[in-house]
Amino acid sequence: MALWRVHVQLEDRPGRLGELATAVGAAGCNIISLHVVGEPADDGSITDELLVKVPESADPATLVEAVASAGIPCTLLVRADATELSDPATTALALARMVAADPGSAPRAVATMLRARLVDPAAENHGGHVHVIRVGAQQVRLGRAWPFTATELSRAAALLELATQLAMRAPIRETSPERILLLRDGSEVRMRPAAPADAPLVAALHARCAPDSRRSRFLSPTRQLAPGELEALLGGASGSGQAVLAVTADGGSAVGIANLDGAAGSARAAVLVEDSWQGRGLGTALLRRVADMAAEQGLAELTGVARPDDLGVTRLLRRAGLRPSAEIVDGEVRLRAPLPAPVA
């Protein structure tokens, strides 16, 4: 089944929504979500956005024809992906929370909320639809494949206005080591230093990971950690290392862990992320965090070990903004990535 984004002009009268659902079902498709994205038109109709599952064997044009046959205009049909299934209200609240913690993140938050991208004003060929939002001194240029509605733009302006008001306040020094991280799909995790009391959470995380994920992290797919390995995950192999844990918003489960074990100017880094949480940017964020920690400690580089057929570690280092080099020693890939000097 493929996921498609559909915009329809729906009249505000009893039974019209049921007629839409009937037309979509008659085409062999299934509505996954529906919410209002446009303001009422002169005739009273409202733009609704649907995420619809369409069978791979079906032509999406059949869906448009079925909706049109019910007298409902279809104004947009574009491919979507599973990351867009998050609840819009929950995503908006999470983005507002991110902006409250860091007003400078407002442009990225607005782009995420509108499923758009930030457009470079210097770029000649933007492609698609581009809109500039101005609130006070803030100016954000957004682009995407389909038009922006006034309702969406008003929501974006409200988020930018929140950032402007917060930026005018005196800065507050953050003393808590815990950070809230907003992932690509709008979900949240809490990043914090790992502690010995987290041993049950980390053991459960390791057991839930697929063999390939465990092999990438430990060079072994073993489901159960050997004696001492759990302590090493929480405190480093030398006993003086550090670990950053990512837990669910409620703190009930660990979904990722990054380790930093430094010595003699360099630090060995490693990351483990639960399979169902991969592909959301969590591994990159964890690695960036330990890289920042290493740079703050005056270390010059990160090191790592990988199997020759495992390219994921190298890609992860690059996504974190590092430039790794590699050499094969005794059948293992030894990775080295210089760290930038810390800014005073």
Protein backbone atom coordinates (compact mmCIF):
# COMPACT_ATOMS: atom_id res chain seq x y z
CA MET A 1 0.00 0.00 0.00
CA ALA A 2 1.26 3.47 -0.91
CA LEU A 3 0.46 6.60 1.09
CA TRP A 4 -0.91 9.65 -0.75
CA ARG A 5 -1.74 13.16 0.39
CA VAL A 6 -5.11 14.36 -0.97
CA HIS A 7 -6.74 17.79 -0.67
CA VAL A 8 -10.49 18.05 -1.24
CA GLN A 9 -12.98 20.92 -1.17
CA LEU A 10 -15.69 19.64 1.14
CA GLU A 11 -19.05 21.35 1.58
CA ASP A 12 -20.07 22.00 5.15
CA ARG A 13 -23.35 20.08 5.26
CA PRO A 14 -24.58 16.94 7.04
CA GLY A 15 -23.54 13.64 5.46
CA ARG A 16 -20.91 15.11 3.13
CA LEU A 17 -18.00 13.59 5.05
CA GLY A 18 -19.68 10.17 4.87
CA GLU A 19 -20.07 10.54 1.11
CA LEU A 20 -16.34 11.27 0.85
CA ALA A 21 -15.46 8.18 2.89
CA THR A 22 -17.79 6.06 0.74
CA ALA A 23 -16.18 7.33 -2.47
CA VAL A 24 -12.66 6.62 -1.19
CA GLY A 25 -13.69 3.13 -0.05
CA ALA A 26 -15.32 2.41 -3.41
CA ALA A 27 -11.93 3.05 -5.04
CA GLY A 28 -10.39 0.36 -2.81
CA CYS A 29 -8.54 2.93 -0.70
CA ASN A 30 -8.49 3.68 3.01
CA ILE A 31 -8.44 7.07 4.79
CA ILE A 32 -5.74 7.08 7.49
CA SER A 33 -6.16 10.64 8.74
CA LEU A 34 -8.12 13.81 7.96
CA HIS A 35 -7.76 17.38 9.16
CA VAL A 36 -8.64 20.90 8.03
CA VAL A 37 -5.87 22.85 6.31
CA GLY A 38 -7.81 25.61 4.54
CA GLU A 39 -10.20 28.37 5.44
CA PRO A 40 -13.84 28.42 4.21
CA ALA A 41 -14.30 29.47 0.58
CA ASP A 42 -17.04 31.79 -0.67
CA ASP A 43 -19.36 28.82 -1.18
CA GLY A 44 -18.75 27.57 2.36
CA SER A 45 -16.53 24.62 1.36
CA ILE A 46 -13.39 23.88 3.38
CA THR A 47 -10.07 22.39 2.28
CA ASP A 48 -9.50 19.08 4.05
CA GLU A 49 -6.27 17.13 3.87
CA LEU A 50 -6.47 13.33 3.78
CA LEU A 51 -3.70 10.78 4.07
CA VAL A 52 -4.97 7.83 2.05
CA LYS A 53 -3.59 4.34 1.61
CA VAL A 54 -3.79 3.31 -2.04
CA PRO A 55 -3.06 -0.29 -3.15
CA GLU A 56 0.23 -0.59 -5.06
CA SER A 57 -1.65 -2.18 -7.95
CA ALA A 58 -4.14 0.71 -8.17
CA ASP A 59 -3.81 3.91 -10.17
CA PRO A 60 -4.11 6.94 -7.84
CA ALA A 61 -6.07 8.67 -10.60
CA THR A 62 -8.87 6.17 -9.86
CA LEU A 63 -9.13 7.68 -6.37
CA VAL A 64 -9.47 11.19 -7.82
CA GLU A 65 -12.16 10.01 -10.25
CA ALA A 66 -14.10 8.30 -7.46
CA VAL A 67 -14.04 11.43 -5.30
CA ALA A 68 -14.99 13.64 -8.25
CA SER A 69 -17.92 11.35 -9.07
CA ALA A 70 -19.32 12.22 -5.63
CA GLY A 71 -19.20 15.91 -6.60
CA ILE A 72 -16.19 16.63 -4.38
CA PRO A 73 -13.37 18.60 -6.06
CA CYS A 74 -9.87 17.18 -5.54
CA THR A 75 -7.22 19.93 -5.60
CA LEU A 76 -4.07 17.97 -4.71
CA LEU A 77 -2.65 14.47 -5.08
CA VAL A 78 0.99 13.92 -4.04
CA ARG A 79 2.94 11.04 -2.51
CA ALA A 80 3.42 11.04 1.26
CA ASP A 81 5.44 8.86 3.62
CA ALA A 82 4.81 7.09 6.91
CA THR A 83 6.59 9.77 8.96
CA GLU A 84 3.63 12.08 8.27
CA LEU A 85 1.19 9.90 10.22
CA SER A 86 1.94 11.71 13.48
CA ASP A 87 -0.92 13.68 14.99
CA PRO A 88 -0.71 17.32 13.78
CA ALA A 89 -1.74 18.79 17.14
CA THR A 90 0.81 16.70 19.03
CA THR A 91 3.50 17.66 16.54
CA ALA A 92 2.63 21.36 16.84
CA LEU A 93 2.84 21.20 20.65
CA ALA A 94 6.18 19.39 20.47
CA LEU A 95 7.50 22.03 18.06
CA ALA A 96 6.30 24.84 20.33
CA ARG A 97 8.13 23.17 23.18
CA MET A 98 11.29 23.02 21.06
CA VAL A 99 10.99 26.72 20.21
CA ALA A 100 10.43 27.57 23.88
CA ALA A 101 13.70 25.82 24.73
CA ASP A 102 15.57 27.36 21.78
CA PRO A 103 13.94 30.33 19.99
CA GLY A 104 16.58 30.08 17.27
CA SER A 105 15.10 26.77 16.17
CA ALA A 106 11.88 28.48 15.02
CA PRO A 107 12.61 28.39 11.24
CA ARG A 108 13.26 24.63 11.36
CA ALA A 109 10.18 24.13 13.54
CA VAL A 110 7.98 26.03 11.08
CA ALA A 111 9.32 24.01 8.16
CA THR A 112 8.63 20.76 10.03
CA MET A 113 5.10 21.81 10.94
CA LEU A 114 4.22 22.68 7.31
CA ARG A 115 6.00 19.63 5.83
CA ALA A 116 8.17 22.09 3.92
CA ARG A 117 11.85 22.88 3.47
CA LEU A 118 13.84 26.01 4.21
CA VAL A 119 14.74 27.69 0.92
CA ASP A 120 18.00 29.54 0.32
CA PRO A 121 17.15 33.01 -1.05
CA ALA A 122 20.28 32.83 -3.22
CA ALA A 123 19.08 29.69 -4.99
CA GLU A 124 17.82 30.44 -8.50
CA ASN A 125 15.59 27.41 -9.07
CA HIS A 126 13.47 26.80 -5.98
CA GLY A 127 11.00 24.38 -7.57
CA GLY A 128 7.44 23.94 -6.36
CA HIS A 129 5.71 26.62 -4.28
CA VAL A 130 7.70 29.15 -2.24
CA HIS A 131 6.34 31.50 0.42
CA VAL A 132 8.06 34.05 2.68
CA ILE A 133 6.74 34.54 6.22
CA ARG A 134 7.74 37.73 8.04
CA VAL A 135 7.13 38.27 11.75
CA GLY A 136 9.01 41.18 13.30
CA ALA A 137 12.68 40.81 12.39
CA GLN A 138 12.22 37.15 11.47
CA GLN A 139 11.93 36.15 7.83
CA VAL A 140 11.50 32.52 6.82
CA ARG A 141 11.40 31.33 3.21
CA LEU A 142 9.61 28.00 2.80
CA GLY A 143 9.14 25.72 -0.17
CA ARG A 144 7.23 22.53 -0.94
CA ALA A 145 5.51 20.75 -3.83
CA TRP A 146 1.96 22.00 -3.11
CA PRO A 147 0.54 25.45 -2.23
CA PHE A 148 0.38 26.82 1.30
CA THR A 149 -3.03 27.69 2.73
CA ALA A 150 -3.80 30.78 4.81
CA THR A 151 -4.64 28.54 7.78
CA GLU A 152 -1.22 26.87 7.65
CA LEU A 153 0.58 30.19 7.29
CA SER A 154 -1.26 31.65 10.28
CA ARG A 155 -0.11 28.69 12.40
CA ALA A 156 3.47 29.22 11.22
CA ALA A 157 3.28 32.95 12.02
CA ALA A 158 2.05 32.15 15.54
CA LEU A 159 5.07 29.90 16.10
CA LEU A 160 7.45 32.58 14.82
CA GLU A 161 5.77 35.18 17.04
CA LEU A 162 6.30 32.90 20.04
CA ALA A 163 10.01 32.68 19.18
CA THR A 164 10.24 36.48 18.82
CA GLN A 165 8.65 37.06 22.23
CA LEU A 166 10.90 34.51 23.91
CA ALA A 167 14.02 35.95 22.28
CA MET A 168 13.21 39.36 23.81
CA ARG A 169 13.39 37.94 27.31
CA ALA A 170 16.59 37.73 29.32
CA PRO A 171 18.37 34.43 28.67
CA ILE A 172 18.07 31.79 31.35
CA ARG A 173 21.06 29.54 31.99
CA GLU A 174 20.05 25.92 31.74
CA THR A 175 21.34 23.86 34.64
CA SER A 176 19.68 20.54 33.88
CA PRO A 177 21.76 18.02 31.88
CA GLU A 178 18.56 16.60 30.40
CA ARG A 179 17.52 17.66 26.91
CA ILE A 180 14.29 17.20 24.98
CA LEU A 181 14.96 16.05 21.43
CA LEU A 182 12.35 16.39 18.69
CA LEU A 183 12.76 13.69 16.04
CA ARG A 184 11.94 13.92 12.35
CA ASP A 185 8.50 12.37 12.72
CA GLY A 186 7.47 14.77 15.49
CA SER A 187 8.00 12.29 18.33
CA GLU A 188 10.09 13.26 21.37
CA VAL A 189 12.79 11.58 23.41
CA ARG A 190 14.70 12.73 26.46
CA MET A 191 18.49 12.71 26.29
CA ARG A 192 20.33 12.55 29.59
CA PRO A 193 23.48 11.10 31.14
CA ALA A 194 23.23 7.38 31.86
CA ALA A 195 23.53 6.20 35.46
CA PRO A 196 24.08 2.78 37.09
CA ALA A 197 20.36 2.70 37.96
CA ASP A 198 19.62 2.59 34.23
CA ALA A 199 21.04 -0.93 33.90
CA PRO A 200 17.60 -2.61 33.51
CA LEU A 201 16.57 -0.10 30.82
CA VAL A 202 19.79 -0.60 28.86
CA ALA A 203 19.65 -4.40 29.17
CA ALA A 204 16.09 -4.38 27.81
CA LEU A 205 17.13 -2.05 24.96
CA HIS A 206 19.94 -4.41 23.98
CA ALA A 207 17.62 -7.44 24.05
CA ARG A 208 15.00 -5.72 21.84
CA CYS A 209 17.53 -4.80 19.15
CA ALA A 210 17.76 -7.00 16.05
CA PRO A 211 20.88 -9.16 15.57
CA ASP A 212 22.19 -6.85 12.82
CA SER A 213 21.94 -3.82 15.12
CA ARG A 214 23.75 -5.63 17.91
CA ARG A 215 26.40 -6.85 15.46
CA SER A 216 26.98 -3.31 14.21
CA ARG A 217 27.46 -2.02 17.77
CA PHE A 218 29.30 -4.93 19.41
CA LEU A 219 30.60 -6.86 16.35
CA SER A 220 28.50 -9.73 17.75
CA PRO A 221 24.76 -10.52 17.53
CA THR A 222 24.63 -12.01 21.04
CA ARG A 223 21.26 -11.29 22.65
CA GLN A 224 22.53 -11.27 26.24
CA LEU A 225 25.32 -8.99 27.44
CA ALA A 226 28.33 -10.72 28.98
CA PRO A 227 29.26 -9.97 32.62
CA GLY A 228 30.81 -6.54 32.80
CA GLU A 229 29.51 -5.39 29.41
CA LEU A 230 26.43 -3.75 30.92
CA GLU A 231 28.61 -1.81 33.36
CA ALA A 232 30.86 -0.84 30.44
CA LEU A 233 27.84 0.50 28.55
CA LEU A 234 26.91 2.70 31.50
CA GLY A 235 30.40 3.86 32.45
CA GLY A 236 32.82 3.07 29.65
CA ALA A 237 35.17 0.15 29.24
CA SER A 238 37.84 1.85 31.37
CA GLY A 239 35.38 2.71 34.11
CA SER A 240 35.92 6.42 33.43
CA GLY A 241 33.85 6.74 30.26
CA GLN A 242 30.53 8.46 29.76
CA ALA A 243 27.21 7.43 28.28
CA VAL A 244 24.23 9.40 26.99
CA LEU A 245 20.86 7.69 27.17
CA ALA A 246 17.76 8.42 25.07
CA VAL A 247 14.51 7.47 26.77
CA THR A 248 10.87 7.79 25.77
CA ALA A 249 9.00 10.92 26.81
CA ASP A 250 7.54 9.10 29.82
CA GLY A 251 10.96 7.73 30.79
CA GLY A 252 9.71 4.14 30.76
CA SER A 253 11.98 2.75 28.02
CA ALA A 254 15.47 3.36 26.71
CA VAL A 255 15.53 3.62 22.92
CA GLY A 256 19.15 4.56 22.31
CA ILE A 257 22.54 4.92 24.00
CA ALA A 258 25.84 6.51 22.96
CA ASN A 259 29.15 5.79 24.66
CA LEU A 260 32.30 7.86 24.95
CA ASP A 261 35.48 6.31 26.32
CA GLY A 262 38.37 8.77 26.10
CA ALA A 263 42.08 8.39 26.61
CA ALA A 264 45.28 10.07 25.38
CA GLY A 265 43.68 12.78 23.28
CA SER A 266 41.11 10.58 21.54
CA ALA A 267 37.82 8.96 22.49
CA ARG A 268 36.14 5.82 21.25
CA ALA A 269 32.48 6.43 20.43
CA ALA A 270 29.68 3.94 19.79
CA VAL A 271 25.93 4.20 19.31
CA LEU A 272 23.07 1.72 19.69
CA VAL A 273 19.49 2.63 18.66
CA GLU A 274 16.46 0.37 18.90
CA ASP A 275 15.36 -0.75 15.41
CA SER A 276 11.87 0.77 15.56
CA TRP A 277 13.46 4.14 16.40
CA GLN A 278 16.02 4.11 13.61
CA GLY A 279 15.69 6.42 10.63
CA ARG A 280 14.38 9.34 12.72
CA GLY A 281 17.67 11.14 13.38
CA LEU A 282 18.16 9.74 16.89
CA GLY A 283 21.51 8.04 16.20
CA THR A 284 22.89 11.21 14.61
CA ALA A 285 21.76 13.32 17.58
CA LEU A 286 23.33 10.93 20.09
CA LEU A 287 26.63 10.90 18.20
CA ARG A 288 26.65 14.70 17.94
CA ARG A 289 26.09 14.90 21.68
CA VAL A 290 29.07 12.69 22.57
CA ALA A 291 31.20 14.48 19.95
CA ASP A 292 30.39 17.79 21.67
CA MET A 293 31.27 16.25 25.03
CA ALA A 294 34.61 15.02 23.68
CA ALA A 295 35.42 18.42 22.17
CA GLU A 296 34.54 20.17 25.45
CA GLN A 297 37.01 17.86 27.22
CA GLY A 298 39.75 18.92 24.80
CA LEU A 299 39.94 15.60 22.96
CA ALA A 300 41.19 15.77 19.38
CA GLU A 301 39.33 12.92 17.66
CA LEU A 302 36.70 10.21 17.85
CA THR A 303 37.55 6.62 17.01
CA GLY A 304 35.41 3.60 16.27
CA VAL A 305 35.45 0.03 15.02
CA ALA A 306 33.20 -1.53 12.38
CA ARG A 307 32.93 -4.61 10.20
CA PRO A 308 34.16 -4.21 6.59
CA ASP A 309 30.61 -4.69 5.27
CA ASP A 310 29.05 -2.17 7.68
CA LEU A 311 28.86 1.26 6.05
CA GLY A 312 26.28 2.58 8.47
CA VAL A 313 28.87 3.72 11.03
CA THR A 314 30.73 5.82 8.46
CA ARG A 315 27.47 7.39 7.23
CA LEU A 316 26.47 8.14 10.82
CA LEU A 317 29.74 9.98 11.46
CA ARG A 318 29.27 12.05 8.32
CA ARG A 319 25.66 12.92 9.18
CA ALA A 320 26.96 14.13 12.55
CA GLY A 321 29.18 16.62 10.70
CA LEU A 322 32.45 14.71 11.06
CA ARG A 323 34.94 13.64 8.37
CA PRO A 324 36.07 10.09 9.16
CA SER A 325 39.00 8.23 7.67
CA ALA A 326 39.29 4.45 7.77
CA GLU A 327 41.80 1.63 7.54
CA ILE A 328 41.40 -2.12 7.78
CA VAL A 329 43.38 -3.78 10.56
CA ASP A 330 43.05 -7.50 11.38
CA GLY A 331 39.77 -7.75 9.48
CA GLU A 332 38.20 -4.75 11.22
CA VAL A 333 37.64 -1.21 9.99
CA ARG A 334 39.31 1.30 12.29
CA LEU A 335 37.67 4.72 12.01
CA ARG A 336 39.12 8.09 13.04
CA ALA A 337 37.26 11.41 12.90
CA PRO A 338 38.95 14.70 13.93
CA LEU A 339 36.96 16.91 16.27
CA PRO A 340 36.63 20.68 15.84
CA ALA A 341 38.30 22.81 18.48
CA PRO A 342 35.80 23.97 21.12
CA VAL A 343 34.62 27.57 20.84
CA ALA A 344 35.41 29.71 23.88
